[in-house]
């Protein structure tokens, strides 16, 4: 999927269609303080090994792509729901 670097779309802050800059979100480091991670650390600590069986089967064919749009008028960013795509490319990079 190819998307232009600048695209005209609706800005929820200006409440009208304006020019937006497109940016692909990067995955950030997972927090060690989250409830699920604390539970996982407790289960894997000490003797006994991994608490769950390894996942079977193949990977999914597409990945969720999170895009962030910055309005060029008000400079605010918004992030619509992510889309699935095999390839994602921002034109003009």
N, C-alpha and C. Protein backbone atom coordinates (compact mmCIF):
# COMPACT_ATOMS: atom_id res chain seq x y z
N UNK A 1 0.84 -1.17 0.00
CA UNK A 1 0.00 0.00 0.00
C UNK A 1 0.89 1.24 0.00
N UNK A 2 0.68 2.12 -0.95
CA UNK A 2 1.43 3.35 -1.03
C UNK A 2 0.52 4.51 -0.63
N UNK A 3 1.06 5.42 0.15
CA UNK A 3 0.29 6.58 0.60
C UNK A 3 1.18 7.81 0.41
N UNK A 4 0.62 8.92 -0.08
CA UNK A 4 1.46 10.11 -0.27
C UNK A 4 1.90 10.73 1.05
N UNK A 5 2.99 11.50 1.01
CA UNK A 5 3.55 12.13 2.20
C UNK A 5 2.58 13.16 2.78
N UNK A 6 1.90 13.91 1.90
CA UNK A 6 0.89 14.88 2.34
C UNK A 6 -0.43 14.51 1.70
N UNK A 7 -1.48 14.50 2.51
CA UNK A 7 -2.79 14.08 2.03
C UNK A 7 -3.85 15.00 2.62
N UNK A 8 -4.90 15.25 1.85
CA UNK A 8 -5.98 16.10 2.34
C UNK A 8 -7.03 15.20 2.98
N UNK A 9 -7.31 15.44 4.27
CA UNK A 9 -8.30 14.65 4.99
C UNK A 9 -8.94 15.48 6.09
N UNK A 10 -9.93 14.90 6.74
CA UNK A 10 -10.69 15.63 7.76
C UNK A 10 -9.90 15.77 9.05
N UNK A 11 -9.87 16.98 9.58
CA UNK A 11 -9.21 17.24 10.87
C UNK A 11 -10.30 17.38 11.93
N UNK A 12 -10.30 16.52 12.96
CA UNK A 12 -11.35 16.61 13.99
C UNK A 12 -11.22 17.84 14.88
N UNK A 13 -10.06 18.50 14.87
CA UNK A 13 -9.86 19.69 15.70
C UNK A 13 -10.31 20.95 14.97
N UNK A 14 -9.95 21.05 13.67
CA UNK A 14 -10.40 22.20 12.86
C UNK A 14 -11.84 22.02 12.39
N UNK A 15 -12.32 20.78 12.39
CA UNK A 15 -13.66 20.41 11.92
C UNK A 15 -13.87 20.73 10.43
N UNK A 16 -12.80 20.52 9.64
CA UNK A 16 -12.90 20.68 8.19
C UNK A 16 -11.75 19.90 7.53
N UNK A 17 -11.80 19.77 6.24
CA UNK A 17 -10.75 19.07 5.50
C UNK A 17 -9.54 19.99 5.32
N UNK A 18 -8.37 19.50 5.75
CA UNK A 18 -7.13 20.26 5.61
C UNK A 18 -6.03 19.31 5.14
N UNK A 19 -4.88 19.88 4.82
CA UNK A 19 -3.73 19.09 4.39
C UNK A 19 -3.05 18.48 5.62
N UNK A 20 -2.74 17.20 5.55
CA UNK A 20 -2.11 16.49 6.67
C UNK A 20 -0.80 15.85 6.23
N UNK A 21 0.16 15.78 7.15
CA UNK A 21 1.40 15.06 6.92
C UNK A 21 1.24 13.66 7.52
N UNK A 22 1.66 12.65 6.77
CA UNK A 22 1.49 11.26 7.18
C UNK A 22 2.77 10.77 7.83
N UNK A 23 2.63 10.02 8.92
CA UNK A 23 3.77 9.47 9.63
C UNK A 23 3.42 8.05 10.08
N UNK A 24 4.35 7.12 9.93
CA UNK A 24 4.13 5.74 10.37
C UNK A 24 4.59 5.61 11.81
N UNK A 25 3.73 5.05 12.64
CA UNK A 25 4.06 4.88 14.05
C UNK A 25 5.03 3.73 14.24
N UNK A 26 5.97 3.91 15.16
CA UNK A 26 6.90 2.84 15.51
C UNK A 26 6.43 2.20 16.81
N UNK A 27 6.69 0.91 16.95
CA UNK A 27 6.30 0.23 18.17
C UNK A 27 7.24 0.64 19.29
N UNK A 28 6.66 1.04 20.41
CA UNK A 28 7.51 1.44 21.53
C UNK A 28 7.78 0.25 22.43
N UNK A 29 8.75 0.42 23.32
CA UNK A 29 9.13 -0.65 24.23
C UNK A 29 7.98 -0.92 25.20
N UNK A 30 7.67 -2.19 25.40
CA UNK A 30 6.57 -2.56 26.30
C UNK A 30 6.96 -2.24 27.74
N UNK A 31 5.99 -1.76 28.51
CA UNK A 31 6.24 -1.39 29.89
C UNK A 31 6.36 -2.65 30.76
N UNK A 32 7.34 -2.65 31.64
CA UNK A 32 7.54 -3.78 32.56
C UNK A 32 6.56 -3.72 33.73
N UNK A 33 5.87 -2.60 33.90
CA UNK A 33 4.96 -2.44 35.04
C UNK A 33 3.52 -2.82 34.72
N UNK A 34 3.22 -3.20 33.49
CA UNK A 34 1.86 -3.58 33.12
C UNK A 34 1.47 -4.89 33.81
N UNK A 35 0.17 -5.06 34.05
CA UNK A 35 -0.32 -6.21 34.81
C UNK A 35 0.05 -7.54 34.15
N UNK A 36 -0.16 -7.64 32.84
CA UNK A 36 0.15 -8.89 32.15
C UNK A 36 1.63 -9.21 32.17
N UNK A 37 2.48 -8.20 32.07
CA UNK A 37 3.93 -8.43 32.09
C UNK A 37 4.39 -8.84 33.48
N UNK A 38 3.80 -8.28 34.50
CA UNK A 38 4.15 -8.66 35.88
C UNK A 38 3.76 -10.12 36.13
N UNK A 39 2.59 -10.52 35.65
CA UNK A 39 2.13 -11.90 35.79
C UNK A 39 3.05 -12.85 35.02
N UNK A 40 3.46 -12.45 33.82
CA UNK A 40 4.34 -13.27 32.99
C UNK A 40 5.71 -13.44 33.66
N UNK A 41 6.25 -12.36 34.21
CA UNK A 41 7.56 -12.43 34.89
C UNK A 41 7.50 -13.36 36.10
N UNK A 42 6.39 -13.28 36.85
CA UNK A 42 6.25 -14.14 38.02
C UNK A 42 6.15 -15.61 37.61
N UNK A 43 5.47 -15.89 36.49
CA UNK A 43 5.28 -17.27 36.05
C UNK A 43 6.57 -17.85 35.49
N UNK A 44 7.41 -17.03 34.87
CA UNK A 44 8.64 -17.54 34.25
C UNK A 44 9.84 -17.51 35.20
N UNK A 45 9.70 -16.87 36.36
CA UNK A 45 10.83 -16.80 37.27
C UNK A 45 11.04 -18.14 37.98
N UNK A 46 12.25 -18.38 38.39
CA UNK A 46 12.57 -19.61 39.13
C UNK A 46 12.60 -20.84 38.24
N UNK A 47 12.31 -21.99 38.80
CA UNK A 47 12.32 -23.24 38.05
C UNK A 47 10.98 -23.44 37.35
N UNK A 48 10.96 -24.26 36.32
CA UNK A 48 9.70 -24.60 35.68
C UNK A 48 9.59 -24.20 34.23
N UNK A 49 10.34 -23.19 33.81
CA UNK A 49 10.34 -22.82 32.40
C UNK A 49 9.13 -22.02 31.97
N UNK A 50 8.84 -22.11 30.69
CA UNK A 50 7.80 -21.28 30.07
C UNK A 50 6.42 -21.77 30.51
N UNK A 51 5.51 -20.85 30.89
CA UNK A 51 4.22 -21.28 31.44
C UNK A 51 3.20 -21.76 30.41
N UNK A 52 3.41 -21.42 29.12
CA UNK A 52 2.43 -21.76 28.10
C UNK A 52 3.11 -22.51 26.96
N UNK A 53 2.35 -23.31 26.20
CA UNK A 53 2.95 -23.96 25.03
C UNK A 53 3.28 -22.95 23.95
N UNK A 54 4.25 -23.26 23.10
CA UNK A 54 4.62 -22.37 21.99
C UNK A 54 3.46 -22.29 21.00
N UNK A 55 3.22 -21.11 20.40
CA UNK A 55 2.12 -21.01 19.43
C UNK A 55 2.39 -21.83 18.18
N UNK A 56 1.38 -22.56 17.74
CA UNK A 56 1.50 -23.40 16.54
C UNK A 56 1.01 -22.64 15.32
N UNK A 57 1.43 -23.08 14.14
CA UNK A 57 0.94 -22.50 12.90
C UNK A 57 1.85 -21.44 12.35
N UNK A 58 1.39 -20.77 11.30
CA UNK A 58 2.21 -19.79 10.60
C UNK A 58 1.85 -18.37 11.02
N UNK A 59 2.65 -17.42 10.54
CA UNK A 59 2.38 -16.01 10.81
C UNK A 59 1.22 -15.54 9.95
N UNK A 60 0.62 -14.47 10.34
CA UNK A 60 -0.44 -13.87 9.52
C UNK A 60 0.20 -13.20 8.30
N UNK A 61 -0.58 -13.11 7.22
CA UNK A 61 -0.03 -12.58 5.97
C UNK A 61 0.06 -11.06 5.98
N UNK A 62 -0.71 -10.40 6.82
CA UNK A 62 -0.67 -8.94 6.86
C UNK A 62 -0.45 -8.46 8.29
N UNK A 63 0.06 -7.25 8.40
CA UNK A 63 0.33 -6.64 9.69
C UNK A 63 -0.57 -5.42 9.87
N UNK A 64 -0.83 -5.06 11.11
CA UNK A 64 -1.58 -3.83 11.37
C UNK A 64 -0.63 -2.65 11.28
N UNK A 65 -0.99 -1.67 10.46
CA UNK A 65 -0.17 -0.49 10.26
C UNK A 65 -0.84 0.68 10.98
N UNK A 66 -0.12 1.28 11.92
CA UNK A 66 -0.64 2.44 12.63
C UNK A 66 -0.07 3.70 11.97
N UNK A 67 -0.95 4.57 11.50
CA UNK A 67 -0.53 5.82 10.87
C UNK A 67 -0.98 6.99 11.72
N UNK A 68 -0.16 8.04 11.71
CA UNK A 68 -0.46 9.24 12.47
C UNK A 68 -0.52 10.41 11.49
N UNK A 69 -1.53 11.24 11.62
CA UNK A 69 -1.70 12.37 10.71
C UNK A 69 -1.57 13.66 11.48
N UNK A 70 -0.74 14.60 10.95
CA UNK A 70 -0.57 15.89 11.58
C UNK A 70 -1.15 16.96 10.68
N UNK A 71 -2.09 17.72 11.21
CA UNK A 71 -2.73 18.80 10.47
C UNK A 71 -1.72 19.93 10.27
N UNK A 72 -1.60 20.44 9.04
CA UNK A 72 -0.65 21.52 8.78
C UNK A 72 -1.19 22.88 9.23
N UNK A 73 -2.49 22.96 9.51
CA UNK A 73 -3.08 24.24 9.94
C UNK A 73 -2.95 24.41 11.45
N UNK A 74 -3.47 23.45 12.22
CA UNK A 74 -3.46 23.58 13.69
C UNK A 74 -2.31 22.81 14.34
N UNK A 75 -1.56 22.04 13.57
CA UNK A 75 -0.37 21.28 14.03
C UNK A 75 -0.71 20.19 15.06
N UNK A 76 -2.00 19.80 15.14
CA UNK A 76 -2.37 18.73 16.06
C UNK A 76 -2.36 17.41 15.32
N UNK A 77 -2.05 16.34 16.07
CA UNK A 77 -1.99 15.01 15.48
C UNK A 77 -3.19 14.19 15.90
N UNK A 78 -3.63 13.31 15.02
CA UNK A 78 -4.65 12.34 15.38
C UNK A 78 -4.32 11.03 14.70
N UNK A 79 -4.77 9.95 15.34
CA UNK A 79 -4.44 8.61 14.87
C UNK A 79 -5.72 7.81 14.69
N UNK A 80 -6.14 7.61 13.43
CA UNK A 80 -7.35 6.81 13.19
C UNK A 80 -7.09 5.33 13.47
N UNK A 81 -8.12 4.49 13.47
CA UNK A 81 -7.89 3.06 13.68
C UNK A 81 -6.91 2.48 12.66
N UNK A 82 -6.08 1.55 13.08
CA UNK A 82 -5.05 1.00 12.21
C UNK A 82 -5.66 0.13 11.12
N UNK A 83 -4.90 -0.02 10.02
CA UNK A 83 -5.35 -0.79 8.87
C UNK A 83 -4.41 -1.97 8.67
N UNK A 84 -4.90 -3.01 8.00
CA UNK A 84 -4.06 -4.17 7.71
C UNK A 84 -3.51 -4.06 6.30
N UNK A 85 -2.21 -4.38 6.15
CA UNK A 85 -1.58 -4.33 4.85
C UNK A 85 -0.33 -5.18 4.87
N UNK A 86 -0.02 -5.81 3.71
CA UNK A 86 1.21 -6.59 3.61
C UNK A 86 2.42 -5.67 3.57
N UNK A 87 2.35 -4.66 2.71
CA UNK A 87 3.42 -3.68 2.58
C UNK A 87 2.84 -2.29 2.85
N UNK A 88 3.66 -1.42 3.40
CA UNK A 88 3.23 -0.04 3.62
C UNK A 88 4.39 0.87 3.27
N UNK A 89 4.13 1.84 2.41
CA UNK A 89 5.20 2.72 1.95
C UNK A 89 4.65 4.14 1.86
N UNK A 90 5.41 5.09 2.40
CA UNK A 90 5.05 6.50 2.28
C UNK A 90 5.85 7.07 1.12
N UNK A 91 5.15 7.57 0.11
CA UNK A 91 5.83 8.09 -1.08
C UNK A 91 6.51 9.41 -0.74
N UNK A 92 7.69 9.61 -1.29
CA UNK A 92 8.43 10.84 -1.07
C UNK A 92 9.48 10.70 0.02
N UNK A 93 9.76 9.49 0.45
CA UNK A 93 10.82 9.28 1.46
C UNK A 93 12.06 8.75 0.81
